[in-house]
Amino acid sequence: MIHHEREELLRIRKEGQVDHAVLTSVLAQLDAEETALGWAATRTAGVRESELRPPERVAGACEHLADDGAPHPPSETDGCPECRAEGLTWVHLRSCTTCGHVGCCDSSVGKHATAHFHTSAHPVMRSIEPGEAWRWCFVDEVLG
């Protein structure tokens, strides 16, 4: 469903039918929702339904977000370097708060911010889109 919603939003963007700020906000919400759903599915793969428990942590209670302190500044802000190298187009940019690595969001084909977590184990990334100030903990799967 999220995939089809994103396709429709990108079609609308291409046709110029909606204000850019509104479209950016909705795409960011879809990105955050998809990331949360993807991690939940990964963590529960192979687990019987009877073994599933509600998460013990809530947003704001994550030790990684609490210990995040001053985030490392982004290595750049004008695009996803991995997308450029691969000839891909990014949707939104995210930055690792540990090292400043900049990667594209999960709405982008490359999903380079998530890939960075898998290779580095750096737990928190933040949006570096104008007007956005949220962070995501990959380990605890919470938005802060």
N, C-alpha and C. Protein backbone atom coordinates (compact mmCIF):
# COMPACT_ATOMS: atom_id res chain seq x y z
N MET A 1 0.82 -1.18 0.00
CA MET A 1 0.00 0.00 0.00
C MET A 1 0.88 1.26 0.00
N ILE A 2 1.92 1.26 0.84
CA ILE A 2 2.81 2.42 0.89
C ILE A 2 3.48 2.64 -0.46
N HIS A 3 3.87 1.56 -1.10
CA HIS A 3 4.50 1.66 -2.42
C HIS A 3 3.57 2.37 -3.41
N HIS A 4 2.31 1.98 -3.43
CA HIS A 4 1.35 2.60 -4.35
C HIS A 4 1.07 4.05 -3.97
N GLU A 5 1.01 4.33 -2.66
CA GLU A 5 0.83 5.72 -2.23
C GLU A 5 2.00 6.58 -2.70
N ARG A 6 3.21 6.05 -2.54
CA ARG A 6 4.40 6.80 -2.96
C ARG A 6 4.41 7.01 -4.47
N GLU A 7 4.06 5.99 -5.22
CA GLU A 7 4.00 6.14 -6.68
C GLU A 7 3.02 7.25 -7.08
N GLU A 8 1.86 7.28 -6.42
CA GLU A 8 0.87 8.31 -6.73
C GLU A 8 1.40 9.70 -6.37
N LEU A 9 2.05 9.82 -5.22
CA LEU A 9 2.61 11.11 -4.82
C LEU A 9 3.69 11.57 -5.79
N LEU A 10 4.53 10.65 -6.24
CA LEU A 10 5.58 11.02 -7.19
C LEU A 10 4.97 11.40 -8.55
N ARG A 11 3.86 10.75 -8.93
CA ARG A 11 3.16 11.14 -10.16
C ARG A 11 2.61 12.55 -10.03
N ILE A 12 2.01 12.83 -8.88
CA ILE A 12 1.46 14.16 -8.62
C ILE A 12 2.58 15.20 -8.63
N ARG A 13 3.71 14.86 -8.02
CA ARG A 13 4.84 15.79 -8.00
C ARG A 13 5.31 16.10 -9.42
N LYS A 14 5.39 15.05 -10.23
CA LYS A 14 5.85 15.22 -11.61
C LYS A 14 4.93 16.14 -12.40
N GLU A 15 3.63 16.06 -12.12
CA GLU A 15 2.64 16.89 -12.82
C GLU A 15 2.51 18.27 -12.19
N GLY A 16 3.15 18.51 -11.05
CA GLY A 16 3.10 19.82 -10.42
C GLY A 16 1.74 20.19 -9.87
N GLN A 17 0.96 19.20 -9.41
CA GLN A 17 -0.40 19.45 -8.95
C GLN A 17 -0.51 19.84 -7.48
N VAL A 18 0.56 19.66 -6.71
CA VAL A 18 0.49 19.88 -5.27
C VAL A 18 1.68 20.73 -4.83
N ASP A 19 1.45 21.56 -3.81
CA ASP A 19 2.51 22.38 -3.24
C ASP A 19 3.67 21.50 -2.79
N HIS A 20 4.89 21.91 -3.09
CA HIS A 20 6.09 21.12 -2.77
C HIS A 20 6.20 20.83 -1.27
N ALA A 21 5.90 21.80 -0.43
CA ALA A 21 6.02 21.61 1.02
C ALA A 21 5.05 20.53 1.51
N VAL A 22 3.84 20.52 0.98
CA VAL A 22 2.86 19.51 1.37
C VAL A 22 3.33 18.13 0.92
N LEU A 23 3.77 18.03 -0.32
CA LEU A 23 4.24 16.76 -0.85
C LEU A 23 5.44 16.24 -0.08
N THR A 24 6.37 17.11 0.25
CA THR A 24 7.55 16.73 1.01
C THR A 24 7.16 16.19 2.38
N SER A 25 6.22 16.82 3.02
CA SER A 25 5.75 16.37 4.33
C SER A 25 5.12 14.99 4.27
N VAL A 26 4.27 14.77 3.28
CA VAL A 26 3.60 13.48 3.15
C VAL A 26 4.60 12.38 2.81
N LEU A 27 5.55 12.66 1.92
CA LEU A 27 6.57 11.67 1.58
C LEU A 27 7.43 11.32 2.79
N ALA A 28 7.74 12.30 3.62
CA ALA A 28 8.53 12.05 4.82
C ALA A 28 7.77 11.15 5.79
N GLN A 29 6.47 11.37 5.90
CA GLN A 29 5.64 10.53 6.77
C GLN A 29 5.59 9.10 6.25
N LEU A 30 5.46 8.93 4.94
CA LEU A 30 5.46 7.59 4.35
C LEU A 30 6.81 6.91 4.58
N ASP A 31 7.88 7.67 4.45
CA ASP A 31 9.22 7.14 4.66
C ASP A 31 9.38 6.62 6.09
N ALA A 32 8.97 7.43 7.06
CA ALA A 32 9.08 7.02 8.46
C ALA A 32 8.22 5.79 8.73
N GLU A 33 7.02 5.77 8.18
CA GLU A 33 6.13 4.62 8.38
C GLU A 33 6.71 3.36 7.75
N GLU A 34 7.25 3.49 6.54
CA GLU A 34 7.83 2.33 5.87
C GLU A 34 9.04 1.79 6.63
N THR A 35 9.87 2.69 7.14
CA THR A 35 11.03 2.26 7.92
C THR A 35 10.58 1.50 9.15
N ALA A 36 9.61 2.02 9.86
CA ALA A 36 9.13 1.36 11.07
C ALA A 36 8.53 0.00 10.74
N LEU A 37 7.73 -0.09 9.70
CA LEU A 37 7.12 -1.36 9.31
C LEU A 37 8.17 -2.36 8.85
N GLY A 38 9.15 -1.89 8.11
CA GLY A 38 10.21 -2.78 7.62
C GLY A 38 11.02 -3.39 8.76
N TRP A 39 11.36 -2.58 9.72
CA TRP A 39 12.13 -3.09 10.85
C TRP A 39 11.28 -4.02 11.71
N ALA A 40 10.03 -3.70 11.88
CA ALA A 40 9.16 -4.58 12.66
C ALA A 40 9.04 -5.94 11.98
N ALA A 41 8.89 -5.94 10.67
CA ALA A 41 8.78 -7.20 9.92
C ALA A 41 10.07 -8.00 10.00
N THR A 42 11.21 -7.32 9.92
CA THR A 42 12.50 -8.00 9.99
C THR A 42 12.69 -8.64 11.36
N ARG A 43 12.35 -7.92 12.40
CA ARG A 43 12.55 -8.42 13.76
C ARG A 43 11.61 -9.55 14.11
N THR A 44 10.44 -9.58 13.49
CA THR A 44 9.46 -10.61 13.84
C THR A 44 9.45 -11.77 12.85
N ALA A 45 10.30 -11.73 11.83
CA ALA A 45 10.35 -12.81 10.84
C ALA A 45 10.68 -14.12 11.56
N GLY A 46 9.89 -15.11 11.31
CA GLY A 46 10.11 -16.42 11.90
C GLY A 46 9.62 -16.56 13.33
N VAL A 47 9.02 -15.53 13.88
CA VAL A 47 8.51 -15.58 15.26
C VAL A 47 7.02 -15.89 15.19
N ARG A 48 6.58 -16.85 16.00
CA ARG A 48 5.16 -17.18 16.04
C ARG A 48 4.38 -16.01 16.62
N GLU A 49 3.15 -15.85 16.18
CA GLU A 49 2.32 -14.74 16.65
C GLU A 49 2.17 -14.75 18.17
N SER A 50 2.12 -15.94 18.77
CA SER A 50 1.96 -16.03 20.22
C SER A 50 3.18 -15.52 20.97
N GLU A 51 4.34 -15.43 20.29
CA GLU A 51 5.57 -14.96 20.94
C GLU A 51 5.73 -13.46 20.85
N LEU A 52 4.91 -12.80 20.03
CA LEU A 52 5.05 -11.36 19.85
C LEU A 52 4.55 -10.62 21.08
N ARG A 53 5.32 -9.62 21.49
CA ARG A 53 4.92 -8.77 22.61
C ARG A 53 4.94 -7.34 22.12
N PRO A 54 4.14 -6.49 22.72
CA PRO A 54 4.24 -5.07 22.35
C PRO A 54 5.61 -4.54 22.75
N PRO A 55 6.12 -3.54 22.04
CA PRO A 55 7.43 -3.00 22.38
C PRO A 55 7.43 -2.43 23.80
N GLU A 56 8.57 -2.64 24.48
CA GLU A 56 8.69 -2.13 25.84
C GLU A 56 9.09 -0.66 25.86
N ARG A 57 9.65 -0.19 24.78
CA ARG A 57 10.10 1.20 24.71
C ARG A 57 9.14 2.02 23.88
N VAL A 58 9.06 3.26 24.21
CA VAL A 58 8.27 4.20 23.42
C VAL A 58 9.19 5.32 22.98
N ALA A 59 8.76 6.08 21.98
CA ALA A 59 9.57 7.20 21.51
C ALA A 59 9.91 8.10 22.68
N GLY A 60 11.15 8.48 22.78
CA GLY A 60 11.61 9.31 23.89
C GLY A 60 12.27 8.47 24.97
N ALA A 61 11.99 7.16 25.00
CA ALA A 61 12.57 6.30 26.02
C ALA A 61 13.78 5.54 25.50
N CYS A 62 14.15 5.71 24.27
CA CYS A 62 15.27 4.99 23.68
C CYS A 62 16.60 5.56 24.19
N GLU A 63 17.44 4.69 24.69
CA GLU A 63 18.73 5.14 25.22
C GLU A 63 19.63 5.71 24.13
N HIS A 64 19.50 5.23 22.90
CA HIS A 64 20.33 5.75 21.80
C HIS A 64 19.94 7.18 21.45
N LEU A 65 18.64 7.45 21.44
CA LEU A 65 18.20 8.82 21.17
C LEU A 65 18.54 9.73 22.34
N ALA A 66 18.41 9.22 23.56
CA ALA A 66 18.71 10.02 24.76
C ALA A 66 20.20 10.33 24.84
N ASP A 67 21.05 9.39 24.44
CA ASP A 67 22.50 9.56 24.52
C ASP A 67 23.09 10.20 23.27
N ASP A 68 22.23 10.58 22.34
CA ASP A 68 22.70 11.06 21.04
C ASP A 68 23.48 12.37 21.13
N GLY A 69 23.18 13.20 22.11
CA GLY A 69 23.92 14.45 22.28
C GLY A 69 23.90 15.32 21.03
N ALA A 70 25.00 16.02 20.80
CA ALA A 70 25.11 16.87 19.62
C ALA A 70 25.44 15.98 18.42
N PRO A 71 24.56 15.94 17.42
CA PRO A 71 24.83 15.07 16.28
C PRO A 71 26.03 15.55 15.46
N HIS A 72 26.74 14.60 14.91
CA HIS A 72 27.85 14.91 14.01
C HIS A 72 27.26 15.63 12.80
N PRO A 73 27.87 16.71 12.34
CA PRO A 73 27.31 17.44 11.19
C PRO A 73 27.33 16.57 9.93
N PRO A 74 26.34 16.75 9.06
CA PRO A 74 26.31 15.96 7.83
C PRO A 74 27.55 16.19 6.98
N SER A 75 28.03 15.13 6.33
CA SER A 75 29.20 15.24 5.47
C SER A 75 28.92 16.12 4.25
N GLU A 76 27.68 16.20 3.86
CA GLU A 76 27.24 17.10 2.79
C GLU A 76 25.73 17.25 2.87
N THR A 77 25.18 18.21 2.17
CA THR A 77 23.74 18.43 2.23
C THR A 77 23.11 18.58 0.85
N ASP A 78 23.90 18.40 -0.20
CA ASP A 78 23.36 18.64 -1.54
C ASP A 78 23.02 17.37 -2.30
N GLY A 79 22.95 16.24 -1.61
CA GLY A 79 22.53 15.02 -2.29
C GLY A 79 23.13 13.79 -1.67
N CYS A 80 22.67 12.65 -2.13
CA CYS A 80 23.18 11.35 -1.67
C CYS A 80 24.35 10.96 -2.58
N PRO A 81 25.57 10.93 -2.03
CA PRO A 81 26.72 10.62 -2.87
C PRO A 81 26.65 9.23 -3.49
N GLU A 82 26.08 8.28 -2.78
CA GLU A 82 25.98 6.92 -3.32
C GLU A 82 24.99 6.86 -4.47
N CYS A 83 23.88 7.60 -4.35
CA CYS A 83 22.92 7.67 -5.47
C CYS A 83 23.59 8.30 -6.69
N ARG A 84 24.33 9.38 -6.48
CA ARG A 84 25.02 10.02 -7.61
C ARG A 84 25.96 9.03 -8.28
N ALA A 85 26.73 8.28 -7.49
CA ALA A 85 27.69 7.32 -8.03
C ALA A 85 26.99 6.19 -8.79
N GLU A 86 25.78 5.83 -8.36
CA GLU A 86 25.04 4.73 -8.99
C GLU A 86 24.07 5.22 -10.06
N GLY A 87 23.98 6.53 -10.25
CA GLY A 87 23.07 7.09 -11.24
C GLY A 87 21.61 7.02 -10.82
N LEU A 88 21.36 7.05 -9.51
CA LEU A 88 20.00 6.98 -8.98
C LEU A 88 19.54 8.37 -8.55
N THR A 89 18.24 8.50 -8.34
CA THR A 89 17.66 9.74 -7.84
C THR A 89 17.17 9.51 -6.42
N TRP A 90 17.48 10.41 -5.51
CA TRP A 90 17.05 10.29 -4.13
C TRP A 90 15.79 11.12 -3.91
N VAL A 91 15.05 10.76 -2.84
CA VAL A 91 13.84 11.50 -2.50
C VAL A 91 14.13 12.45 -1.34
N HIS A 92 14.63 11.92 -0.22
CA HIS A 92 14.96 12.73 0.95
C HIS A 92 16.32 12.29 1.48
N LEU A 93 16.98 13.19 2.20
CA LEU A 93 18.31 12.90 2.74
C LEU A 93 18.26 12.68 4.24
N ARG A 94 19.08 11.76 4.71
CA ARG A 94 19.23 11.44 6.13
C ARG A 94 20.71 11.48 6.45
N SER A 95 21.03 11.79 7.70
CA SER A 95 22.43 11.87 8.12
C SER A 95 22.64 11.04 9.38
N CYS A 96 23.72 10.27 9.41
CA CYS A 96 24.09 9.50 10.59
C CYS A 96 24.57 10.47 11.67
N THR A 97 24.00 10.37 12.86
CA THR A 97 24.39 11.30 13.92
C THR A 97 25.74 10.94 14.52
N THR A 98 26.23 9.72 14.27
CA THR A 98 27.52 9.30 14.80
C THR A 98 28.68 9.82 13.95
N CYS A 99 28.56 9.68 12.62
CA CYS A 99 29.70 10.01 11.76
C CYS A 99 29.39 11.07 10.69
N GLY A 100 28.12 11.43 10.51
CA GLY A 100 27.76 12.44 9.52
C GLY A 100 27.51 11.90 8.12
N HIS A 101 27.63 10.59 7.92
CA HIS A 101 27.37 10.00 6.60
C HIS A 101 25.99 10.43 6.12
N VAL A 102 25.91 10.85 4.87
CA VAL A 102 24.63 11.25 4.29
C VAL A 102 24.19 10.16 3.31
N GLY A 103 22.93 9.74 3.48
CA GLY A 103 22.36 8.73 2.59
C GLY A 103 20.90 9.07 2.32
N CYS A 104 20.36 8.40 1.34
CA CYS A 104 18.96 8.64 0.96
C CYS A 104 18.02 7.83 1.84
N CYS A 105 16.78 8.27 1.88
CA CYS A 105 15.74 7.65 2.72
C CYS A 105 15.24 6.34 2.10
N ASP A 106 14.38 5.68 2.84
CA ASP A 106 13.82 4.42 2.35
C ASP A 106 12.77 4.61 1.27
N SER A 107 12.37 5.84 0.99
CA SER A 107 11.51 6.11 -0.16
C SER A 107 12.32 6.13 -1.45
N SER A 108 13.61 6.22 -1.33
CA SER A 108 14.51 6.24 -2.48
C SER A 108 14.88 4.80 -2.85
N VAL A 109 15.23 4.60 -4.10
CA VAL A 109 15.59 3.26 -4.58
C VAL A 109 16.80 2.71 -3.81
N GLY A 110 17.80 3.55 -3.57
CA GLY A 110 19.04 3.08 -2.96
C GLY A 110 18.94 2.75 -1.48
N LYS A 111 18.07 3.42 -0.75
CA LYS A 111 17.93 3.23 0.70
C LYS A 111 19.30 3.24 1.40
N HIS A 112 20.12 4.23 1.05
CA HIS A 112 21.50 4.26 1.52
C HIS A 112 21.66 4.60 3.00
N ALA A 113 20.71 5.32 3.60
CA ALA A 113 20.80 5.58 5.04
C ALA A 113 20.66 4.28 5.82
N THR A 114 19.70 3.45 5.44
CA THR A 114 19.51 2.15 6.09
C THR A 114 20.71 1.25 5.82
N ALA A 115 21.22 1.26 4.60
CA ALA A 115 22.39 0.45 4.27
C ALA A 115 23.59 0.85 5.14
N HIS A 116 23.72 2.15 5.41
CA HIS A 116 24.80 2.62 6.27
C HIS A 116 24.68 2.02 7.66
N PHE A 117 23.46 1.97 8.20
CA PHE A 117 23.27 1.35 9.51
C PHE A 117 23.72 -0.11 9.48
N HIS A 118 23.36 -0.84 8.43
CA HIS A 118 23.71 -2.26 8.36
C HIS A 118 25.23 -2.48 8.30
N THR A 119 25.95 -1.57 7.67
CA THR A 119 27.40 -1.74 7.58
C THR A 119 28.17 -1.14 8.75
N SER A 120 27.60 -0.11 9.39
CA SER A 120 28.33 0.59 10.45
C SER A 120 27.82 0.28 11.86
N ALA A 121 26.56 -0.13 11.97
CA ALA A 121 25.89 -0.32 13.26
C ALA A 121 25.72 0.99 14.03
N HIS A 122 25.85 2.13 13.38
CA HIS A 122 25.56 3.41 14.02
C HIS A 122 24.05 3.49 14.20
N PRO A 123 23.57 3.66 15.43
CA PRO A 123 22.14 3.44 15.70
C PRO A 123 21.17 4.53 15.27
N VAL A 124 21.60 5.79 15.18
CA VAL A 124 20.64 6.88 14.98
C VAL A 124 20.95 7.67 13.71
N MET A 125 19.90 7.97 12.96
CA MET A 125 20.02 8.88 11.83
C MET A 125 18.96 9.95 12.00
N ARG A 126 19.21 11.07 11.34
CA ARG A 126 18.25 12.17 11.42
C ARG A 126 17.95 12.69 10.03
N SER A 127 16.78 13.27 9.91
CA SER A 127 16.42 13.91 8.66
C SER A 127 17.20 15.21 8.54
N ILE A 128 17.71 15.48 7.36
CA ILE A 128 18.36 16.78 7.13
C ILE A 128 17.58 17.57 6.09
N GLU A 129 16.31 17.22 5.95
CA GLU A 129 15.43 17.97 5.07
C GLU A 129 15.03 19.28 5.76
N PRO A 130 14.90 20.37 5.02
CA PRO A 130 14.49 21.64 5.63
C PRO A 130 13.15 21.49 6.35
N GLY A 131 13.08 22.01 7.56
CA GLY A 131 11.85 21.98 8.34
C GLY A 131 11.60 20.69 9.09
N GLU A 132 12.48 19.72 8.98
CA GLU A 132 12.32 18.45 9.69
C GLU A 132 13.38 18.34 10.78
N ALA A 133 12.99 17.81 11.94
CA ALA A 133 13.93 17.69 13.05
C ALA A 133 13.82 16.33 13.75
N TRP A 134 13.29 15.32 13.07
CA TRP A 134 13.13 14.03 13.72
C TRP A 134 14.37 13.15 13.53
N ARG A 135 14.48 12.20 14.43
CA ARG A 135 15.56 11.20 14.38
C ARG A 135 14.94 9.81 14.45
N TRP A 136 15.66 8.82 13.95
CA TRP A 136 15.19 7.43 13.97
C TRP A 136 16.29 6.55 14.56
N CYS A 137 15.90 5.72 15.53
CA CYS A 137 16.83 4.74 16.09
C CYS A 137 16.56 3.41 15.40
N PHE A 138 17.54 2.90 14.66
CA PHE A 138 17.40 1.62 13.99
C PHE A 138 17.37 0.46 14.98
N VAL A 139 18.08 0.57 16.07
CA VAL A 139 18.18 -0.52 17.05
C VAL A 139 16.85 -0.72 17.76
N ASP A 140 16.29 0.35 18.29
CA ASP A 140 15.06 0.25 19.08
C ASP A 140 13.80 0.55 18.29
N GLU A 141 13.99 0.95 17.03
CA GLU A 141 12.87 1.21 16.13
C GLU A 141 11.91 2.26 16.70
N VAL A 142 12.46 3.37 17.12
CA VAL A 142 11.63 4.46 17.63
C VAL A 142 12.01 5.76 16.94
N LEU A 143 11.01 6.59 16.81
CA LEU A 143 11.17 7.91 16.22
C LEU A 143 11.26 8.91 17.34
N GLY A 144 12.19 9.82 17.26
CA GLY A 144 12.34 10.80 18.33
C GLY A 144 12.52 12.20 17.81
